[in-house]
Amino acid sequence: MARVLVVDDAIFARMRCARLLTDNGYEVDEASNGAEALAKYKQQKPDAVLLDITMPDMDGLAALKQIISHDPDARVAMVSAMGQKSMVVEALEVGAKDFVVKPFDAARVLQAVQKLVS
């Protein structure tokens, strides 16, 4: 069973995504900001990460850079609102494997996670 780290400062979005993944057979851990995500990534080495771009303390782009620095093989999909195209492009250049647009579509989230863990 694949383990997915869901990172989002919006508790409702994080819980909704976590429930979707759990209902589809994934083990899920959660983090509310980039710093927490980095610590949990180092501790638990999840199979995939869904990482929001806009967060307090450490944004998703900074967290992505540190996760990739720690583990160049990390499988990360960025989660972004419409209008963050330049940040998504930068994230893909840094090493993100995919992106999901918020508000997210359940089928698209599952597709992205399946792509990351396969």
C-alpha atoms as a PDB file:
ATOM      1  CA  MET A   1       0.000   0.000   0.000  1.00  0.00           C
ATOM      2  CA  ALA A   2       1.478   3.345  -1.038  1.00  0.00           C
ATOM      3  CA  ARG A   3       1.970   6.122   1.511  1.00  0.00           C
ATOM      4  CA  VAL A   4       1.067   9.666   0.436  1.00  0.00           C
ATOM      5  CA  LEU A   5       1.947  12.891   2.251  1.00  0.00           C
ATOM      6  CA  VAL A   6      -0.757  15.544   1.735  1.00  0.00           C
ATOM      7  CA  VAL A   7       0.481  19.079   2.411  1.00  0.00           C
ATOM      8  CA  ASP A   8      -1.929  22.018   2.533  1.00  0.00           C
ATOM      9  CA  ASP A   9      -2.439  24.846   5.010  1.00  0.00           C
ATOM     10  CA  ALA A  10      -6.218  24.768   4.374  1.00  0.00           C
ATOM     11  CA  ILE A  11      -7.473  22.080   6.741  1.00  0.00           C
ATOM     12  CA  PHE A  12     -10.666  21.435   4.753  1.00  0.00           C
ATOM     13  CA  ALA A  13      -8.770  20.841   1.500  1.00  0.00           C
ATOM     14  CA  ARG A  14      -6.192  18.671   3.274  1.00  0.00           C
ATOM     15  CA  MET A  15      -8.846  16.546   5.010  1.00  0.00           C
ATOM     16  CA  ARG A  16     -10.891  16.165   1.819  1.00  0.00           C
ATOM     17  CA  CYS A  17      -7.857  15.002  -0.121  1.00  0.00           C
ATOM     18  CA  ALA A  18      -6.726  12.686   2.682  1.00  0.00           C
ATOM     19  CA  ARG A  19     -10.177  11.087   2.885  1.00  0.00           C
ATOM     20  CA  LEU A  20     -10.291  10.573  -0.889  1.00  0.00           C
ATOM     21  CA  LEU A  21      -6.912   8.842  -0.851  1.00  0.00           C
ATOM     22  CA  THR A  22      -7.702   6.737   2.227  1.00  0.00           C
ATOM     23  CA  ASP A  23     -10.996   5.631   0.658  1.00  0.00           C
ATOM     24  CA  ASN A  24      -8.977   4.490  -2.365  1.00  0.00           C
ATOM     25  CA  GLY A  25      -6.529   2.347  -0.430  1.00  0.00           C
ATOM     26  CA  TYR A  26      -3.642   4.732   0.255  1.00  0.00           C
ATOM     27  CA  GLU A  27      -1.984   5.348   3.611  1.00  0.00           C
ATOM     28  CA  VAL A  28      -2.023   9.090   4.234  1.00  0.00           C
ATOM     29  CA  ASP A  29       0.025  11.460   6.366  1.00  0.00           C
ATOM     30  CA  GLU A  30      -0.724  15.166   6.575  1.00  0.00           C
ATOM     31  CA  ALA A  31       1.271  18.373   7.009  1.00  0.00           C
ATOM     32  CA  SER A  32       0.037  21.960   7.244  1.00  0.00           C
ATOM     33  CA  ASN A  33       3.088  23.797   5.869  1.00  0.00           C
ATOM     34  CA  GLY A  34       6.337  23.277   4.019  1.00  0.00           C
ATOM     35  CA  ALA A  35       8.541  23.007   7.098  1.00  0.00           C
ATOM     36  CA  GLU A  36       6.320  20.300   8.571  1.00  0.00           C
ATOM     37  CA  ALA A  37       6.228  18.558   5.170  1.00  0.00           C
ATOM     38  CA  LEU A  38      10.027  18.477   4.958  1.00  0.00           C
ATOM     39  CA  ALA A  39      10.330  17.029   8.473  1.00  0.00           C
ATOM     40  CA  LYS A  40       7.687  14.364   7.787  1.00  0.00           C
ATOM     41  CA  TYR A  41       9.252  13.529   4.419  1.00  0.00           C
ATOM     42  CA  LYS A  42      12.648  12.940   6.019  1.00  0.00           C
ATOM     43  CA  GLN A  43      11.108  10.880   8.819  1.00  0.00           C
ATOM     44  CA  GLN A  44       8.612   8.780   6.830  1.00  0.00           C
ATOM     45  CA  LYS A  45       9.885   8.787   3.207  1.00  0.00           C
ATOM     46  CA  PRO A  46       6.410   8.598   1.626  1.00  0.00           C
ATOM     47  CA  ASP A  47       5.914   7.118  -1.834  1.00  0.00           C
ATOM     48  CA  ALA A  48       4.306  10.342  -3.079  1.00  0.00           C
ATOM     49  CA  VAL A  49       3.659  13.927  -1.975  1.00  0.00           C
ATOM     50  CA  LEU A  50       0.805  16.272  -2.882  1.00  0.00           C
ATOM     51  CA  LEU A  51       2.269  19.691  -2.087  1.00  0.00           C
ATOM     52  CA  ASP A  52       0.306  22.943  -2.048  1.00  0.00           C
ATOM     53  CA  ILE A  53       2.220  25.923  -3.435  1.00  0.00           C
ATOM     54  CA  THR A  54       0.867  28.766  -1.292  1.00  0.00           C
ATOM     55  CA  MET A  55       1.418  28.189   2.442  1.00  0.00           C
ATOM     56  CA  PRO A  56       2.773  30.092   5.454  1.00  0.00           C
ATOM     57  CA  ASP A  57       6.179  29.457   7.090  1.00  0.00           C
ATOM     58  CA  MET A  58       7.662  27.688   4.051  1.00  0.00           C
ATOM     59  CA  ASP A  59       5.808  27.698   0.745  1.00  0.00           C
ATOM     60  CA  GLY A  60       5.504  24.666  -1.475  1.00  0.00           C
ATOM     61  CA  LEU A  61       8.225  25.730  -3.887  1.00  0.00           C
ATOM     62  CA  ALA A  62      10.783  26.127  -1.089  1.00  0.00           C
ATOM     63  CA  ALA A  63       9.670  22.808   0.425  1.00  0.00           C
ATOM     64  CA  LEU A  64       9.948  21.102  -2.967  1.00  0.00           C
ATOM     65  CA  LYS A  65      13.510  22.361  -3.413  1.00  0.00           C
ATOM     66  CA  GLN A  66      14.518  21.028   0.000  1.00  0.00           C
ATOM     67  CA  ILE A  67      12.743  17.686  -0.501  1.00  0.00           C
ATOM     68  CA  ILE A  68      14.453  17.225  -3.900  1.00  0.00           C
ATOM     69  CA  SER A  69      17.795  18.244  -2.358  1.00  0.00           C
ATOM     70  CA  HIS A  70      17.294  15.605   0.345  1.00  0.00           C
ATOM     71  CA  ASP A  71      15.950  12.971  -2.079  1.00  0.00           C
ATOM     72  CA  PRO A  72      16.446  13.558  -5.823  1.00  0.00           C
ATOM     73  CA  ASP A  73      14.054  10.660  -6.532  1.00  0.00           C
ATOM     74  CA  ALA A  74      11.164  12.214  -4.567  1.00  0.00           C
ATOM     75  CA  ARG A  75       7.807  11.921  -6.312  1.00  0.00           C
ATOM     76  CA  VAL A  76       5.965  15.191  -5.803  1.00  0.00           C
ATOM     77  CA  ALA A  77       2.877  16.675  -7.442  1.00  0.00           C
ATOM     78  CA  MET A  78       2.204  20.356  -6.844  1.00  0.00           C
ATOM     79  CA  VAL A  79      -1.276  21.592  -5.955  1.00  0.00           C
ATOM     80  CA  SER A  80      -2.062  25.099  -7.156  1.00  0.00           C
ATOM     81  CA  ALA A  81      -4.900  27.504  -7.656  1.00  0.00           C
ATOM     82  CA  MET A  82      -5.547  28.904 -11.101  1.00  0.00           C
ATOM     83  CA  GLY A  83      -3.273  31.835 -11.840  1.00  0.00           C
ATOM     84  CA  GLN A  84      -0.096  30.281 -10.435  1.00  0.00           C
ATOM     85  CA  LYS A  85       1.162  29.006 -13.778  1.00  0.00           C
ATOM     86  CA  SER A  86       4.665  30.494 -13.476  1.00  0.00           C
ATOM     87  CA  MET A  87       5.137  28.856 -10.073  1.00  0.00           C
ATOM     88  CA  VAL A  88       3.916  25.509 -11.434  1.00  0.00           C
ATOM     89  CA  VAL A  89       6.377  25.759 -14.336  1.00  0.00           C
ATOM     90  CA  GLU A  90       9.212  26.528 -11.903  1.00  0.00           C
ATOM     91  CA  ALA A  91       8.168  23.587  -9.704  1.00  0.00           C
ATOM     92  CA  LEU A  92       8.242  21.236 -12.697  1.00  0.00           C
ATOM     93  CA  GLU A  93      11.717  22.527 -13.599  1.00  0.00           C
ATOM     94  CA  VAL A  94      12.899  21.927 -10.008  1.00  0.00           C
ATOM     95  CA  GLY A  95      11.662  18.332 -10.030  1.00  0.00           C
ATOM     96  CA  ALA A  96       7.911  18.078  -9.450  1.00  0.00           C
ATOM     97  CA  LYS A  97       6.434  15.264 -11.531  1.00  0.00           C
ATOM     98  CA  ASP A  98       2.889  16.598 -11.953  1.00  0.00           C
ATOM     99  CA  PHE A  99       0.433  19.232 -10.793  1.00  0.00           C
ATOM    100  CA  VAL A 100      -3.207  19.359  -9.736  1.00  0.00           C
ATOM    101  CA  VAL A 101      -5.343  22.509  -9.951  1.00  0.00           C
ATOM    102  CA  LYS A 102      -7.482  23.608  -6.985  1.00  0.00           C
ATOM    103  CA  PRO A 103     -10.308  23.234  -6.367  1.00  0.00           C
ATOM    104  CA  PHE A 104      -9.366  19.702  -7.277  1.00  0.00           C
ATOM    105  CA  ASP A 105     -11.309  17.069  -9.108  1.00  0.00           C
ATOM    106  CA  ALA A 106     -11.237  13.704  -7.289  1.00  0.00           C
ATOM    107  CA  ALA A 107     -10.460  11.740 -10.456  1.00  0.00           C
ATOM    108  CA  ARG A 108      -7.550  14.077 -11.284  1.00  0.00           C
ATOM    109  CA  VAL A 109      -6.063  13.721  -7.775  1.00  0.00           C
ATOM    110  CA  LEU A 110      -6.239   9.927  -8.018  1.00  0.00           C
ATOM    111  CA  GLN A 111      -4.703  10.027 -11.501  1.00  0.00           C
ATOM    112  CA  ALA A 112      -1.806  12.180 -10.275  1.00  0.00           C
ATOM    113  CA  VAL A 113      -1.118   9.942  -7.255  1.00  0.00           C
ATOM    114  CA  GLN A 114      -1.297   6.789  -9.372  1.00  0.00           C
ATOM    115  CA  LYS A 115       1.206   8.356 -11.794  1.00  0.00           C
ATOM    116  CA  LEU A 116       3.539   9.199  -8.903  1.00  0.00           C
ATOM    117  CA  VAL A 117       3.500   5.749  -7.302  1.00  0.00           C
ATOM    118  CA  SER A 118       3.655   3.654 -10.472  1.00  0.00           C
END
